Protein backbone atom coordinates (compact mmCIF):
# COMPACT_ATOMS: atom_id res chain seq x y z
CA MET A 1 -90.25 -29.67 2.51
CA THR A 2 -87.94 -27.21 4.66
CA THR A 3 -84.39 -26.72 4.17
CA GLN A 4 -81.81 -29.02 5.54
CA LYS A 5 -79.17 -31.00 5.79
CA LEU A 6 -78.94 -34.76 4.54
CA SER A 7 -76.32 -37.44 4.04
CA ARG A 8 -75.64 -38.79 0.89
CA LYS A 9 -76.90 -42.24 1.63
CA GLN A 10 -80.28 -39.83 2.58
CA LEU A 11 -80.48 -38.07 -0.67
CA TYR A 12 -79.78 -40.54 -2.88
CA GLU A 13 -82.48 -42.75 -1.57
CA LEU A 14 -84.69 -39.88 -2.58
CA VAL A 15 -83.31 -38.93 -5.96
CA TRP A 16 -84.42 -43.06 -7.08
CA SER A 17 -87.45 -43.01 -4.96
CA ILE A 18 -88.97 -39.69 -6.25
CA PRO A 19 -88.57 -38.44 -9.57
CA MET A 20 -86.09 -34.74 -9.42
CA THR A 21 -88.87 -32.73 -10.88
CA GLN A 22 -91.14 -33.68 -8.01
CA LEU A 23 -88.30 -33.69 -5.41
CA ALA A 24 -86.87 -30.27 -6.55
CA LYS A 25 -90.01 -28.79 -5.86
CA GLU A 26 -89.97 -30.08 -2.03
CA PHE A 27 -87.17 -28.98 -1.68
CA GLY A 28 -87.92 -25.14 -2.94
CA LEU A 29 -85.08 -25.67 -6.02
CA SER A 30 -84.92 -25.97 -9.67
CA ASP A 31 -84.60 -29.77 -10.66
CA ASN A 32 -81.32 -28.27 -12.18
CA GLY A 33 -80.14 -26.89 -9.31
CA LEU A 34 -80.93 -30.32 -7.11
CA ARG A 35 -79.27 -31.98 -10.07
CA LYS A 36 -75.89 -29.24 -9.24
CA ILE A 37 -76.17 -31.10 -5.80
CA CYS A 38 -75.94 -34.62 -6.61
CA VAL A 39 -73.23 -34.11 -8.92
CA LYS A 40 -71.17 -32.10 -6.59
CA TYR A 41 -71.75 -34.86 -3.84
CA ASP A 42 -70.63 -37.65 -6.30
CA ILE A 43 -74.29 -39.27 -6.60
CA PRO A 44 -75.36 -41.14 -9.38
CA LEU A 45 -78.54 -39.77 -11.02
CA PRO A 46 -81.56 -42.03 -13.02
CA GLN A 47 -81.02 -41.66 -16.55
CA MET A 48 -83.60 -40.47 -18.82
CA GLY A 49 -86.74 -43.07 -19.33
CA HIS A 50 -85.91 -44.31 -15.59
CA TRP A 51 -89.43 -42.96 -14.34
CA GLN A 52 -91.10 -44.11 -17.53
CA LYS A 53 -89.81 -47.93 -17.17
CA VAL A 54 -91.19 -47.43 -13.26
CA ARG A 55 -94.14 -46.49 -14.52
CA TYR A 56 -94.87 -49.69 -16.69
CA GLY A 57 -92.96 -51.70 -14.37
CA LYS A 58 -90.47 -52.68 -16.86
CA LYS A 59 -86.97 -53.91 -15.05
CA ILE A 60 -84.72 -51.13 -14.12
CA LYS A 61 -80.70 -51.08 -13.03
CA GLN A 62 -80.16 -48.68 -10.15
CA GLU A 63 -76.54 -47.01 -10.30
CA LYS A 64 -75.14 -47.58 -6.08
CA LEU A 65 -73.70 -44.96 -4.34
CA GLY A 66 -70.21 -45.09 -4.15
CA ASN A 67 -68.34 -44.96 -1.15
CA PHE A 68 -66.12 -41.86 -1.01
CA ASP A 69 -63.84 -41.19 1.66
CA LYS A 70 -63.55 -37.56 1.12
CA TRP A 71 -67.30 -37.50 1.59
CA VAL A 72 -67.15 -39.82 4.73
CA ASN A 73 -69.61 -38.20 7.70
CA THR A 74 -70.73 -34.89 5.55
CA LYS A 75 -73.76 -33.26 5.69
CA ILE A 76 -75.11 -32.06 2.60
CA PRO A 77 -77.03 -28.22 3.11
CA ILE A 78 -79.96 -28.76 0.51
CA SER A 79 -79.95 -25.11 -0.42
CA GLN A 80 -80.20 -22.54 -2.94
CA SER A 81 -76.56 -20.92 -2.37
CA GLU A 82 -75.14 -25.19 -2.66
CA ALA A 83 -77.58 -25.41 -5.82
CA ASN A 84 -75.66 -22.33 -7.21
CA GLY A 85 -72.37 -24.09 -6.97
CA GLN A 86 -69.40 -22.46 -5.23
CA GLU A 87 -70.12 -19.53 -2.28
CA HIS A 88 -68.15 -16.24 -4.06
CA TYR A 89 -64.77 -15.58 -2.75
CA LEU A 90 -65.88 -11.71 -0.67
CA THR A 91 -68.98 -13.91 0.62
CA LYS A 92 -66.94 -16.78 2.55
CA PHE A 93 -63.94 -14.24 3.01
CA ALA A 94 -66.75 -11.50 4.95
CA LYS A 95 -68.21 -14.34 6.46
CA ARG A 96 -64.88 -15.86 8.07
CA VAL A 97 -63.95 -12.33 9.01
CA LYS A 98 -66.78 -11.87 10.90
CA GLU A 99 -66.66 -14.89 12.35
CA MET A 100 -63.62 -14.18 14.08
CA GLU A 101 -63.99 -11.08 15.26
CA GLN A 102 -67.34 -12.64 17.30
CA ASN A 103 -65.70 -15.70 18.07
CA CYS A 104 -62.17 -13.75 19.41
CA SER A 105 -63.59 -10.77 20.58
CA LYS A 106 -61.48 -11.09 23.93
CA LEU A 107 -57.92 -10.87 21.50
CA LEU A 108 -59.35 -8.44 19.76
CA PRO A 109 -58.72 -5.23 19.45
CA VAL A 110 -54.50 -4.72 19.97
CA PRO A 111 -54.29 -3.72 23.64
CA GLU A 112 -52.14 -0.39 23.93
CA LYS A 113 -49.54 -2.11 26.36
CA LEU A 114 -47.99 -5.50 25.81
CA THR A 115 -48.76 -7.88 28.64
CA LYS A 116 -48.14 -11.60 28.69
CA PRO A 117 -46.20 -11.41 25.60
CA HIS A 118 -45.72 -14.69 23.41
CA ALA A 119 -42.26 -16.13 23.46
CA LEU A 120 -41.84 -15.02 20.05
CA ILE A 121 -42.22 -11.52 21.01
CA LYS A 122 -40.15 -11.95 24.23
CA ALA A 123 -37.11 -12.92 21.79
CA ALA A 124 -37.96 -10.51 19.04
CA ARG A 125 -38.00 -7.41 22.20
CA VAL A 126 -34.49 -8.87 23.36
CA ASN A 127 -33.27 -8.54 20.07
CA LEU A 128 -34.73 -5.09 18.91
CA ASN A 129 -33.70 -2.91 22.41
CA ALA A 130 -30.40 -4.52 22.21
CA GLN A 131 -29.91 -2.26 18.44
CA LYS A 132 -29.27 0.82 18.58
CA LYS A 133 -31.12 3.67 16.71
CA ARG A 134 -29.55 4.02 13.28
CA THR A 135 -29.33 6.61 11.12
CA ASN A 136 -27.54 6.52 7.37
CA TRP A 137 -24.65 8.77 6.04
CA ARG A 138 -27.34 11.81 5.16
CA ASN A 139 -28.21 12.08 8.66
CA LEU A 140 -32.19 10.29 7.50
CA PRO A 141 -33.48 7.52 9.89
CA GLU A 142 -33.32 3.87 9.28
CA CYS A 143 -34.94 1.00 10.66
CA ILE A 144 -33.55 -1.77 12.58
CA HIS A 145 -33.99 -5.49 11.78
CA THR A 146 -34.10 -8.44 13.76
CA ASN A 147 -31.75 -10.95 13.18
CA GLY A 148 -32.54 -13.65 11.32
CA ASP A 149 -33.86 -16.42 13.66
CA ILE A 150 -36.02 -14.16 15.21
CA LEU A 151 -39.52 -12.84 14.31
CA ALA A 152 -39.06 -10.83 11.26
CA ILE A 153 -39.34 -7.14 12.42
CA SER A 154 -37.89 -4.10 10.73
CA VAL A 155 -39.18 -0.47 11.92
CA GLN A 156 -37.41 2.41 13.44
CA LYS A 157 -36.87 2.37 17.27
CA HIS A 158 -39.30 4.61 18.31
CA ASN A 159 -42.12 2.10 16.74
CA VAL A 160 -40.97 -1.24 18.64
CA PRO A 161 -43.18 -1.25 21.19
CA ARG A 162 -46.61 -0.62 18.69
CA ALA A 163 -44.99 -3.46 15.98
CA LEU A 164 -44.41 -5.59 19.22
CA ARG A 165 -47.86 -5.19 20.66
CA ILE A 166 -49.47 -5.98 16.91
CA MET A 167 -47.27 -9.19 16.31
CA ASP A 168 -48.51 -10.56 19.49
CA ALA A 169 -52.19 -9.91 18.63
CA PHE A 170 -51.25 -11.58 15.66
CA ILE A 171 -49.43 -14.51 16.88
CA LYS A 172 -52.46 -15.17 19.61
CA LEU A 173 -54.86 -14.85 17.26
CA VAL A 174 -53.27 -17.33 14.70
CA GLU A 175 -52.98 -19.90 17.63
CA SER A 176 -56.75 -19.23 18.74
CA ARG A 177 -57.69 -20.59 15.32
CA GLY A 178 -55.28 -23.92 15.21
CA HIS A 179 -52.62 -22.45 13.29
CA SER A 180 -49.07 -21.15 14.26
CA VAL A 181 -46.32 -18.61 13.27
CA LEU A 182 -42.48 -19.50 13.58
CA ASN A 183 -39.02 -19.07 12.52
CA GLU A 184 -37.84 -21.42 10.16
CA SER A 185 -34.61 -20.75 7.88
CA ASP A 186 -34.01 -17.45 8.59
CA VAL A 187 -37.93 -16.58 7.51
CA THR A 188 -41.30 -15.96 9.53
CA ARG A 189 -43.56 -18.24 8.40
CA PHE A 190 -47.37 -18.22 9.45
CA VAL A 191 -48.28 -22.02 8.98
CA VAL A 192 -51.89 -22.70 8.32
CA GLU A 193 -53.38 -26.83 7.73
CA GLY A 194 -49.97 -27.65 6.91
CA GLU A 195 -48.94 -24.70 4.43
CA LYS A 196 -46.52 -22.27 5.04
CA PHE A 197 -46.48 -18.52 4.08
CA SER A 198 -43.30 -16.19 4.67
CA ILE A 199 -44.37 -12.55 6.58
CA ARG A 200 -42.77 -9.89 8.42
CA LEU A 201 -43.97 -6.69 9.94
CA ARG A 202 -42.11 -3.69 8.64
CA GLU A 203 -42.02 -0.04 8.31
CA LYS A 204 -43.02 1.33 4.51
CA HIS A 205 -41.04 4.16 3.41
CA THR A 206 -41.58 7.17 1.26
CA ARG A 207 -39.47 8.69 -1.32
CA GLN A 208 -37.67 12.41 -0.09
CA ASN A 209 -35.89 14.46 -2.22
CA ILE A 210 -32.25 14.90 -1.24
CA THR A 211 -30.81 18.43 -3.17
CA ASP A 212 -27.05 19.18 -1.98
CA GLU A 213 -24.46 21.38 -4.43
CA ARG A 214 -23.66 19.34 -7.16
CA TRP A 215 -26.98 17.00 -8.23
CA ALA A 216 -30.69 16.05 -6.81
CA SER A 217 -30.97 12.35 -5.60
CA THR A 218 -33.77 10.92 -3.97
CA GLN A 219 -33.82 8.60 -0.53
CA LEU A 220 -36.10 6.40 0.74
CA VAL A 221 -37.11 7.10 4.20
CA PRO A 222 -39.21 4.93 7.01
CA ASN A 223 -42.57 7.13 7.24
CA ASN A 224 -44.27 5.68 10.69
CA LYS A 225 -46.54 3.29 8.69
CA LEU A 226 -46.52 -0.25 9.85
CA SER A 227 -47.74 -3.46 7.24
CA ILE A 228 -47.48 -7.06 7.26
CA LYS A 229 -46.33 -8.47 4.46
CA TYR A 230 -46.76 -11.82 2.57
CA GLU A 231 -43.61 -12.54 0.58
CA TYR A 232 -44.27 -14.79 -2.21
CA TYR A 233 -43.76 -13.85 -6.40
CA MET A 234 -47.35 -11.79 -6.04
CA SER A 235 -46.23 -9.99 -2.93
CA LYS A 236 -50.02 -8.73 -0.37
CA GLU A 237 -49.70 -6.21 1.97
CA TRP A 238 -51.97 -5.20 4.66
CA SER A 239 -50.81 -1.57 5.97
CA ASP A 240 -51.91 1.61 7.65
CA THR A 241 -54.07 2.77 4.95
CA GLY A 242 -57.59 3.90 5.42
CA THR A 243 -57.60 2.23 9.01
CA LEU A 244 -54.79 1.11 11.37
CA LEU A 245 -52.99 -2.19 10.39
CA GLU A 246 -54.09 -3.43 14.20
CA GLU A 247 -57.80 -3.51 13.51
CA LYS A 248 -57.13 -5.81 9.50
CA LEU A 249 -55.74 -8.20 11.99
CA PRO A 250 -58.87 -10.50 11.10
CA ARG A 251 -58.91 -9.96 7.26
CA ILE A 252 -55.04 -11.09 7.04
CA VAL A 253 -55.80 -13.97 8.78
CA ALA A 254 -59.18 -14.80 7.02
CA PHE A 255 -57.34 -14.17 3.87
CA PHE A 256 -54.43 -16.77 4.73
CA GLU A 257 -57.06 -19.59 6.29
CA LEU A 258 -58.94 -18.94 2.41
CA LYS A 259 -55.45 -18.98 0.54
CA SER A 260 -54.54 -22.31 2.34
CA GLN A 261 -57.73 -24.02 1.45
CA GLU A 262 -57.30 -22.39 -2.05
CA ILE A 263 -54.02 -24.09 -2.58
CA LYS A 264 -55.46 -27.81 -1.55
CA GLU A 265 -58.17 -27.52 -3.53
CA GLN A 266 -55.59 -26.70 -6.70
CA LYS A 267 -53.52 -29.83 -5.19
CA GLU A 268 -55.60 -31.96 -4.99
CA ARG A 269 -57.18 -30.94 -8.18
CA ASN A 270 -53.52 -31.30 -9.56
CA ARG A 271 -53.24 -34.63 -8.33
CA ILE A 272 -56.99 -35.81 -10.14
CA ALA A 273 -55.24 -34.30 -13.33
CA ARG A 274 -51.81 -36.37 -12.42
CA GLU A 275 -53.97 -39.87 -12.17
CA GLN A 276 -56.12 -39.39 -14.92
CA ALA A 277 -53.12 -38.32 -17.22
CA GLU A 278 -51.12 -41.38 -16.16
CA VAL A 279 -54.47 -43.51 -16.72
CA LYS A 280 -54.66 -41.91 -20.09
CA ARG A 281 -51.47 -42.38 -20.75
CA GLN A 282 -51.60 -46.32 -19.65
CA ILE A 283 -54.20 -46.80 -21.86
CA GLU A 284 -52.59 -45.37 -24.84
CA GLN A 285 -49.77 -47.22 -24.41
CA ASN A 286 -51.57 -50.41 -23.88
CA LEU A 287 -53.22 -49.51 -27.09
CA LEU A 288 -50.66 -48.63 -28.84
CA ALA A 289 -49.08 -52.29 -27.71
CA LYS A 290 -52.24 -54.11 -28.84
CA LYS A 291 -51.53 -52.85 -32.57
CA GLU A 292 -48.05 -53.42 -32.20
CA TRP A 293 -48.72 -57.06 -31.58
CA GLU A 294 -51.64 -57.24 -33.89
CA SER A 295 -48.90 -56.80 -36.76
CA LYS A 296 -46.27 -59.56 -34.47
CA LYS A 297 -48.86 -61.55 -34.48
CA ARG A 298 -49.45 -61.30 -38.42
CA ASP A 299 -45.84 -62.15 -38.88
CA LEU A 300 -46.16 -65.10 -36.56
CA LEU A 301 -49.10 -66.65 -38.36
CA ILE A 302 -47.30 -65.93 -41.72
CA LYS A 303 -44.27 -67.61 -40.14
CA CYS A 304 -46.06 -70.46 -38.25
CA SER A 305 -47.71 -71.41 -41.80
CA LYS A 306 -44.73 -71.31 -43.40
CA GLU A 307 -43.07 -74.10 -40.94
CA TRP A 308 -46.24 -75.86 -41.16
CA ARG A 309 -45.63 -76.58 -44.34
CA GLU A 310 -42.19 -77.50 -44.50
CA ALA A 311 -42.84 -79.87 -41.74
CA GLU A 312 -45.55 -81.59 -43.82
CA ASP A 313 -42.94 -81.55 -46.31
CA LEU A 314 -40.49 -83.45 -44.54
CA ARG A 315 -43.21 -85.73 -42.74
CA LEU A 316 -43.43 -87.38 -46.15
CA PHE A 317 -39.55 -87.42 -47.08
CA ILE A 318 -39.57 -88.92 -43.29
CA ARG A 319 -42.13 -91.83 -44.62
CA LYS A 320 -40.88 -92.50 -47.63
CA ILE A 321 -37.63 -93.45 -45.91
CA GLU A 322 -39.59 -95.60 -43.63
CA ASP A 323 -42.05 -97.17 -46.13
CA SER A 324 -38.31 -98.41 -47.18
CA ASN A 325 -37.09 -102.01 -46.60
CA ASP A 326 -33.57 -100.70 -45.47
CA LYS A 327 -34.10 -101.48 -41.71
CA SER A 328 -30.32 -100.99 -40.46
CA GLU A 329 -29.13 -99.53 -37.38
CA LYS A 330 -27.43 -96.64 -39.35
CA VAL A 331 -30.90 -95.75 -40.64
CA MET A 332 -33.33 -96.20 -37.83
CA ASP A 333 -30.29 -93.86 -35.80
CA TRP A 334 -31.20 -91.27 -38.92
CA LEU A 335 -35.09 -91.68 -38.69
CA LYS A 336 -34.86 -91.15 -35.10
CA TRP A 337 -32.81 -87.94 -35.20
CA SER A 338 -35.37 -86.96 -38.42
CA ARG A 339 -38.27 -87.42 -36.15
CA SER A 340 -36.56 -84.91 -33.07
CA GLN A 341 -35.96 -82.16 -36.03
CA LEU A 342 -39.24 -82.77 -37.55
CA ASN A 343 -40.64 -82.18 -33.85
CA GLU A 344 -39.10 -78.91 -33.70
CA LEU A 345 -40.31 -77.91 -36.64
CA ASP A 346 -43.56 -78.38 -36.87
CA PRO A 347 -45.75 -75.93 -35.19
CA LEU A 348 -48.56 -78.33 -34.47
CA SER A 349 -46.62 -80.85 -32.79
CA GLU A 350 -47.12 -79.61 -28.88
CA GLY A 351 -51.07 -79.27 -30.00
CA ILE A 352 -53.34 -76.40 -31.38
CA GLU A 353 -53.73 -74.94 -28.34
CA ALA A 354 -49.93 -74.54 -27.73
CA LEU A 355 -49.83 -73.09 -31.12
CA VAL A 356 -52.95 -70.41 -30.25
CA THR A 357 -51.29 -69.58 -27.19
CA GLN A 358 -48.67 -67.91 -28.97
CA PHE A 359 -50.87 -65.53 -30.08
CA ASP A 360 -52.00 -64.09 -26.70
CA LEU A 361 -51.05 -60.61 -25.64
CA PRO A 362 -47.91 -60.76 -23.15
CA GLU A 363 -49.06 -60.10 -19.91
CA THR A 364 -46.54 -57.11 -19.44
CA GLU A 365 -48.76 -55.26 -22.46
CA THR A 366 -52.32 -56.67 -20.73
CA HIS A 367 -54.41 -53.73 -21.57
CA GLN A 368 -55.64 -52.93 -18.11
CA ASN A 369 -59.17 -51.93 -17.21
CA TYR A 370 -59.46 -48.04 -16.66
CA THR A 371 -63.33 -47.60 -15.63
CA SER A 372 -62.04 -44.94 -12.99
CA TYR A 373 -60.69 -42.94 -16.24
CA LYS A 374 -62.89 -39.42 -17.13
CA SER A 375 -61.66 -38.15 -20.48
């Protein structure tokens, strides 16, 4: 059987109709590799001894295929790479960069002249062109910066055209991939499937020695090397090293696409972990409630036993009065009152079922059936 893609139902029907070792050979896989694919896609497998039972005509129980929304319309690739588990990050990265370079060739490379700039680029150009060339008190060059509500760019005045061309190409590439770049709370965000990443285009600096008559010091001076920086607690930066920044745009976009996917997968793992932790907490809470209730039941049992004994003694006493020949109104009223007290005291006055019901675990503490929990 050649490599192909199957639905979950198709693969499920195959693994329950053909032994795993035989089916795996038909796919050109090891039985362990095919088993890994089934586990990955939540496909139940026959237990040990299943095929021996089938051979001897014994009754078997086939586990049902669960309906999981995350696998709706999923086609499973029956291949060695799928059997080996997740694809290596660098392989996925290289594939994505290559695919982007092929499918987005009209947007690459970065043009030498800015044409039909994006609205964000137009606003940044106006903002940067309005600023004057800057030098510090030592007459060393400084960068000019866009205002907080404009695309985050920080470069020397003469590098503004190049910076705008790079960012324009970057934004157009991003939008062609279904993503977006926006300004939010004075920060430029690259948004990939709802995940937001803070970025800025900046000019890098070199530390330069400054010498005067009294002491030597250093100063950071812009060095004409541009970069796009991802700003978070462990920042990452792509710059004019090895190759120009213009040639690295597909690599930058690929990084954020995979980063977004990684974040979503981690969020899903966290969600599942929280759900499992909550289920475990509920189970432990219910087990503790049952344990505490067992202790309360023992106390209740002893209490009922004592009350029943007292009621029996009282019943004998009332019967003694009833057996007397005194039928006066006063005595009869007392007997009526005594019997009411007996009914309140006797734990069996409302019947045995009513008594036994008191020993049921209260509804609020009833142990629930958490079959989905996996330790």
